[in-house]
Amino acid sequence: MVTPELPKTETYPYGPGERQQVDAYWTTSERGTAPRPAVLVVHGGYWLQGDKSAWEYFARRLVADGYVVLATNYRLAPAAQWPAQRTDVAAALNFLKTNAARWNADPERVVVIGSSSGGHLATQLGTYGDGGERVRGVVALSPPNDPELAYTDGAAPTADHRQQKLRRAVVELLGCDPAESAAGSRCWRLLADAKSETHVSAGDAPMLFMHGTSEFVPVAESRGLATALRAAGIEATIKTVEGAGHAAELLNDPDAYPTIAEWLERHLAPEPSGGAPVGEDDEGDDDEPPVELPSALPTQRATDD
């Protein structure tokens, strides 16, 4: 029996801050092997906590399925306020694309997978600006795509402690409390900007949303975004997992990972020469350049130790 090769791992900075780092997972390719599709994984934690290392097992499983994986950290609230988190994950994505050859990754075949608040950041990457030019697709597990809805739900008499914490997290993310701010104020503009649906336009990335029926981020958090994407002619799929909990707990369902794997395979299929990606819901243009890194974070290339 041949023992499968364990993935290589390395941590790289994509910016000057302590939190601006990615963990790369990949396997050595034989000379002449075609570049592999890539996945950027974004952790959750109410925008306040969490670490890329929590998704190591998931990353290794994706590598075993033939992907190059980068798991990213980003600056956390309240020390860093919106839109710093979006700026960071965009910079991490740019780092992946710029350095793709190091891991034999294809910079034109990238999907972002995010969990909870990381799922929200993933949908921001897929919608903000030219989202479909950045990535082939987005998979979001339990994403609070509408922070205003999360803020409102957290004040309801029926809200549990996790929904109340999510409401407080929205305040810390924005650096202001909408209830104490005038309509049209900077606080409300930030809240609108943090709502992924706000940024939907034709050409955005197709998306897969997954929610459990026993969790505190309801499927309503994805319905508005999915409706807006479909109205713009973009594929949007919502999967509800019966009895499942929040975010990573979704993966306890035996059908969850196969659903993600099939979706990735379909949306990261190689492009035929001169054509669009294979599949009925394909988006993107083979000639598009990588997303520009925000000016506050100069492009960094990985270097050998």
Protein backbone atom coordinates (compact mmCIF):
# COMPACT_ATOMS: atom_id res chain seq x y z
CA MET A 1 0.00 0.00 0.00
CA VAL A 2 1.28 3.47 -0.91
CA THR A 3 1.11 5.98 1.94
CA PRO A 4 -0.37 9.29 0.76
CA GLU A 5 2.02 12.22 0.87
CA LEU A 6 1.42 14.51 3.83
CA PRO A 7 0.87 18.12 2.81
CA LYS A 8 3.64 20.62 3.24
CA THR A 9 2.81 23.57 5.49
CA GLU A 10 4.33 27.01 5.79
CA THR A 11 3.27 30.32 7.33
CA TYR A 12 3.75 33.52 5.33
CA PRO A 13 3.08 37.20 6.05
CA TYR A 14 0.86 39.00 3.56
CA GLY A 15 1.09 42.33 5.39
CA PRO A 16 3.04 44.05 8.18
CA GLY A 17 0.66 43.23 11.04
CA GLU A 18 0.88 40.28 13.42
CA ARG A 19 -2.54 39.03 12.30
CA GLN A 20 -1.77 39.43 8.59
CA GLN A 21 -0.54 35.90 7.97
CA VAL A 22 -1.58 32.83 5.99
CA ASP A 23 -0.86 29.13 6.45
CA ALA A 24 -0.25 27.36 3.14
CA TYR A 25 -0.96 23.65 2.64
CA TRP A 26 0.15 21.86 -0.51
CA THR A 27 1.85 18.76 -1.87
CA THR A 28 4.96 18.56 -4.02
CA SER A 29 4.09 18.26 -7.70
CA GLU A 30 5.98 16.23 -10.24
CA ARG A 31 7.62 18.30 -12.94
CA GLY A 32 5.11 19.13 -15.65
CA THR A 33 2.06 18.57 -13.43
CA ALA A 34 -0.76 20.98 -14.24
CA PRO A 35 -1.34 23.71 -11.66
CA ARG A 36 -3.91 22.81 -9.02
CA PRO A 37 -7.01 24.82 -8.11
CA ALA A 38 -6.74 26.77 -4.87
CA VAL A 39 -8.96 27.46 -1.87
CA LEU A 40 -8.65 30.40 0.53
CA VAL A 41 -10.13 29.51 3.94
CA VAL A 42 -11.35 32.29 6.26
CA HIS A 43 -12.00 31.46 9.94
CA GLY A 44 -14.89 32.74 12.03
CA GLY A 45 -15.28 34.06 15.57
CA TYR A 46 -17.70 37.02 15.64
CA TRP A 47 -15.02 39.17 13.88
CA LEU A 48 -13.53 39.35 17.41
CA GLN A 49 -11.60 36.11 17.85
CA GLY A 50 -10.50 32.91 16.12
CA ASP A 51 -7.47 31.66 14.27
CA LYS A 52 -6.61 30.05 10.93
CA SER A 53 -5.21 26.98 12.72
CA ALA A 54 -8.74 25.87 13.66
CA TRP A 55 -9.26 24.79 10.04
CA GLU A 56 -6.08 22.73 9.69
CA TYR A 57 -7.88 19.38 9.43
CA PHE A 58 -10.30 20.77 6.85
CA ALA A 59 -7.38 22.23 4.88
CA ARG A 60 -5.54 18.91 4.88
CA ARG A 61 -8.65 17.14 3.63
CA LEU A 62 -8.92 19.60 0.75
CA VAL A 63 -5.25 19.06 -0.09
CA ALA A 64 -5.88 15.31 -0.20
CA ASP A 65 -8.63 16.05 -2.73
CA GLY A 66 -6.19 17.86 -5.01
CA TYR A 67 -6.32 21.50 -3.90
CA VAL A 68 -3.76 24.00 -2.72
CA VAL A 69 -5.11 25.66 0.43
CA LEU A 70 -4.26 28.91 2.16
CA ALA A 71 -5.93 29.60 5.52
CA THR A 72 -5.82 33.24 6.53
CA ASN A 73 -5.96 35.34 9.64
CA TYR A 74 -7.10 38.96 9.60
CA ARG A 75 -7.19 41.88 11.98
CA LEU A 76 -9.87 41.54 14.64
CA ALA A 77 -12.36 43.98 16.10
CA PRO A 78 -12.49 46.07 18.16
CA ALA A 79 -8.82 46.94 17.67
CA ALA A 80 -9.42 47.00 13.92
CA GLN A 81 -12.78 48.25 12.72
CA TRP A 82 -14.68 47.70 9.51
CA PRO A 83 -13.64 47.51 6.70
CA ALA A 84 -10.18 46.41 7.91
CA GLN A 85 -11.27 42.76 7.89
CA ARG A 86 -12.37 42.92 4.24
CA THR A 87 -9.16 44.73 3.32
CA ASP A 88 -7.12 41.96 4.93
CA VAL A 89 -8.84 38.99 3.29
CA ALA A 90 -8.55 40.78 -0.07
CA ALA A 91 -4.83 41.18 0.59
CA ALA A 92 -4.54 37.49 1.52
CA LEU A 93 -6.28 36.56 -1.72
CA ASN A 94 -3.91 38.77 -3.67
CA PHE A 95 -0.96 37.11 -1.91
CA LEU A 96 -2.26 33.70 -2.98
CA LYS A 97 -2.59 34.80 -6.60
CA THR A 98 0.76 36.58 -6.70
CA ASN A 99 2.62 33.59 -5.27
CA ALA A 100 0.56 30.81 -6.85
CA ALA A 101 3.51 29.34 -8.76
CA ARG A 102 5.32 28.59 -5.48
CA TRP A 103 2.68 25.98 -4.61
CA ASN A 104 1.85 25.03 -8.21
CA ALA A 105 -1.56 26.67 -7.81
CA ASP A 106 -3.64 28.13 -10.63
CA PRO A 107 -4.30 31.81 -9.78
CA GLU A 108 -7.33 31.84 -12.09
CA ARG A 109 -9.02 28.93 -10.28
CA VAL A 110 -9.62 30.09 -6.72
CA VAL A 111 -12.63 29.64 -4.43
CA VAL A 112 -13.03 31.23 -1.00
CA ILE A 113 -14.53 29.19 1.85
CA GLY A 114 -15.50 30.99 5.04
CA SER A 115 -17.15 29.99 8.30
CA SER A 116 -19.46 32.22 10.36
CA SER A 117 -17.97 35.74 10.33
CA GLY A 118 -15.37 34.35 7.94
CA GLY A 119 -18.25 33.33 5.69
CA HIS A 120 -19.44 36.93 5.74
CA LEU A 121 -15.96 38.08 4.70
CA ALA A 122 -15.94 35.44 1.95
CA THR A 123 -19.20 36.77 0.50
CA GLN A 124 -17.76 40.27 0.65
CA LEU A 125 -14.85 39.07 -1.50
CA GLY A 126 -17.33 37.60 -3.95
CA THR A 127 -19.42 40.77 -4.25
CA TYR A 128 -17.35 43.85 -3.39
CA GLY A 129 -16.05 45.53 -6.53
CA ASP A 130 -15.42 43.00 -9.29
CA GLY A 131 -16.01 39.92 -7.14
CA GLY A 132 -16.31 37.48 -10.02
CA GLU A 133 -12.94 38.59 -11.38
CA ARG A 134 -11.27 37.74 -8.08
CA VAL A 135 -12.63 34.27 -7.46
CA ARG A 136 -14.49 31.44 -9.19
CA GLY A 137 -16.90 31.10 -6.29
CA VAL A 138 -17.67 31.36 -2.59
CA VAL A 139 -18.74 28.71 -0.07
CA ALA A 140 -20.10 30.26 3.13
CA LEU A 141 -20.96 28.20 6.23
CA SER A 142 -23.43 29.95 8.56
CA PRO A 143 -22.51 33.44 7.34
CA PRO A 144 -24.04 36.57 8.96
CA ASN A 145 -24.21 38.27 5.56
CA ASP A 146 -26.50 40.99 6.88
CA PRO A 147 -25.00 42.48 10.06
CA GLU A 148 -28.02 44.79 10.39
CA LEU A 149 -30.29 41.74 10.64
CA ALA A 150 -27.93 40.18 13.18
CA TYR A 151 -27.97 43.43 15.16
CA THR A 152 -31.78 43.52 15.12
CA ASP A 153 -32.23 39.82 15.92
CA GLY A 154 -29.90 40.14 18.89
CA ALA A 155 -32.27 42.61 20.53
CA ALA A 156 -35.36 40.40 20.24
CA PRO A 157 -36.88 39.03 23.48
CA THR A 158 -36.32 35.51 22.15
CA ALA A 159 -32.63 36.06 21.35
CA ASP A 160 -30.28 33.58 22.99
CA HIS A 161 -26.88 34.51 24.42
CA ARG A 162 -25.10 33.80 21.12
CA GLN A 163 -27.41 36.10 19.17
CA GLN A 164 -26.93 38.76 21.83
CA LYS A 165 -23.17 38.34 21.53
CA LEU A 166 -23.42 38.66 17.76
CA ARG A 167 -25.33 41.93 18.20
CA ARG A 168 -22.58 43.26 20.47
CA ALA A 169 -19.99 42.04 17.97
CA VAL A 170 -21.60 44.12 15.21
CA VAL A 171 -21.21 47.21 17.42
CA GLU A 172 -17.54 46.39 18.06
CA LEU A 173 -16.95 45.67 14.38
CA LEU A 174 -18.35 49.05 13.34
CA GLY A 175 -16.94 50.99 16.28
CA CYS A 176 -20.35 52.55 16.88
CA ASP A 177 -23.88 51.61 17.91
CA PRO A 178 -26.50 52.13 15.18
CA ALA A 179 -29.19 52.64 17.83
CA GLU A 180 -27.26 55.65 19.11
CA SER A 181 -26.52 57.07 15.65
CA ALA A 182 -28.62 59.25 13.39
CA ALA A 183 -29.98 57.88 10.14
CA GLY A 184 -27.52 58.56 7.33
CA SER A 185 -24.62 58.88 9.75
CA ARG A 186 -21.24 57.25 9.25
CA CYS A 187 -22.33 54.39 11.51
CA TRP A 188 -25.27 53.51 9.29
CA ARG A 189 -23.14 53.86 6.16
CA LEU A 190 -20.65 51.39 7.62
CA LEU A 191 -23.48 49.02 8.47
CA ALA A 192 -24.77 49.19 4.89
CA ASP A 193 -21.26 48.62 3.53
CA ALA A 194 -20.88 45.52 5.72
CA LYS A 195 -24.05 44.03 4.21
CA SER A 196 -22.85 41.85 1.33
CA GLU A 197 -26.11 42.27 -0.59
CA THR A 198 -25.26 45.98 -0.94
CA HIS A 199 -22.44 45.17 -3.34
CA VAL A 200 -24.11 42.65 -5.67
CA SER A 201 -23.67 43.30 -9.39
CA ALA A 202 -23.60 41.31 -12.61
CA GLY A 203 -20.44 39.22 -12.86
CA ASP A 204 -20.11 38.49 -9.14
CA ALA A 205 -18.99 35.06 -7.98
CA PRO A 206 -21.46 32.15 -7.68
CA MET A 207 -22.11 31.13 -4.10
CA LEU A 208 -23.07 28.15 -1.96
CA PHE A 209 -24.58 28.93 1.45
CA MET A 210 -25.01 26.32 4.18
CA HIS A 211 -26.98 26.76 7.40
CA GLY A 212 -28.09 24.35 10.12
CA THR A 213 -31.60 24.28 11.51
CA SER A 214 -30.27 24.31 15.09
CA GLU A 215 -27.98 27.31 15.00
CA PHE A 216 -28.09 30.99 15.91
CA VAL A 217 -27.34 32.47 12.45
CA PRO A 218 -30.60 31.82 10.61
CA VAL A 219 -30.88 31.00 6.94
CA ALA A 220 -32.54 34.42 6.53
CA GLU A 221 -29.00 35.83 6.71
CA SER A 222 -28.35 34.30 3.27
CA ARG A 223 -31.75 34.56 1.61
CA GLY A 224 -31.50 38.27 0.83
CA LEU A 225 -28.05 37.90 -0.69
CA ALA A 226 -29.07 34.81 -2.66
CA THR A 227 -32.12 36.63 -4.04
CA ALA A 228 -29.99 39.60 -5.10
CA LEU A 229 -27.42 37.35 -6.77
CA ARG A 230 -30.08 35.45 -8.71
CA ALA A 231 -31.66 38.72 -9.83
CA ALA A 232 -28.24 39.67 -11.23
CA GLY A 233 -28.06 36.36 -13.11
CA ILE A 234 -25.62 34.69 -10.73
CA GLU A 235 -25.92 31.18 -9.35
CA ALA A 236 -26.75 31.09 -5.64
CA THR A 237 -27.54 27.88 -3.76
CA ILE A 238 -28.76 27.55 -0.17
CA LYS A 239 -28.40 24.21 1.61
CA THR A 240 -30.15 23.76 4.95
CA VAL A 241 -28.81 20.91 7.08
CA GLU A 242 -31.47 19.40 9.31
CA GLY A 243 -30.51 19.32 12.98
CA ALA A 244 -27.05 20.77 12.38
CA GLY A 245 -25.44 23.44 14.52
CA HIS A 246 -23.34 26.44 13.63
CA ALA A 247 -20.43 26.75 11.18
CA ALA A 248 -17.93 23.89 11.63
CA GLU A 249 -20.66 21.81 13.26
CA LEU A 250 -22.29 21.60 9.83
CA LEU A 251 -19.44 19.32 8.78
CA ASN A 252 -20.62 16.67 11.25
CA ASP A 253 -23.41 15.91 8.80
CA PRO A 254 -22.23 13.09 6.48
CA ASP A 255 -23.52 14.88 3.39
CA ALA A 256 -22.01 18.29 4.12
CA TYR A 257 -18.43 17.77 2.94
CA PRO A 258 -19.48 15.80 -0.19
CA THR A 259 -21.81 18.69 -1.07
CA ILE A 260 -18.93 21.16 -0.77
CA ALA A 261 -16.56 18.85 -2.67
CA GLU A 262 -18.97 18.46 -5.59
CA TRP A 263 -19.54 22.21 -5.74
CA LEU A 264 -15.79 22.90 -5.74
CA GLU A 265 -15.15 20.35 -8.46
CA ARG A 266 -17.81 21.89 -10.67
CA HIS A 267 -16.73 25.50 -10.22
CA LEU A 268 -12.98 24.91 -10.30
CA ALA A 269 -12.97 22.76 -13.44
CA PRO A 270 -10.16 23.65 -15.88
CA GLU A 271 -11.02 26.13 -18.58
CA PRO A 272 -10.95 24.92 -22.18
CA SER A 273 -8.72 27.01 -24.43
CA GLY A 274 -10.37 30.31 -25.17
CA GLY A 275 -13.52 29.39 -23.24
CA ALA A 276 -15.28 29.99 -19.98
CA PRO A 277 -15.06 27.52 -17.10
CA VAL A 278 -16.83 24.25 -17.73
CA GLY A 279 -20.33 24.05 -16.22
CA GLU A 280 -23.71 25.65 -16.65
CA ASP A 281 -23.18 28.24 -13.92
CA ASP A 282 -19.67 29.31 -14.89
CA GLU A 283 -18.50 32.88 -14.43
CA GLY A 284 -15.28 34.76 -15.10
CA ASP A 285 -12.79 35.63 -17.80
CA ASP A 286 -9.51 33.81 -18.31
CA ASP A 287 -7.74 37.04 -19.21
CA GLU A 288 -8.58 39.00 -16.07
CA PRO A 289 -5.64 40.10 -13.87
CA PRO A 290 -5.46 39.33 -10.14
CA VAL A 291 -7.20 41.68 -7.73
CA GLU A 292 -5.10 44.69 -6.78
CA LEU A 293 -3.74 44.71 -3.23
CA PRO A 294 -5.06 47.67 -1.19
CA SER A 295 -2.52 50.49 -1.12
CA ALA A 296 -2.11 50.21 2.65
CA LEU A 297 -0.70 46.70 2.27
CA PRO A 298 2.17 46.48 -0.23
CA THR A 299 2.37 43.28 -2.25
CA GLN A 300 4.65 40.70 -0.65
CA ARG A 301 6.07 37.62 -2.29
CA ALA A 302 6.92 34.50 -0.37
CA THR A 303 10.65 33.93 0.00
CA ASP A 304 12.73 30.92 0.96
CA ASP A 305 14.06 30.80 4.50
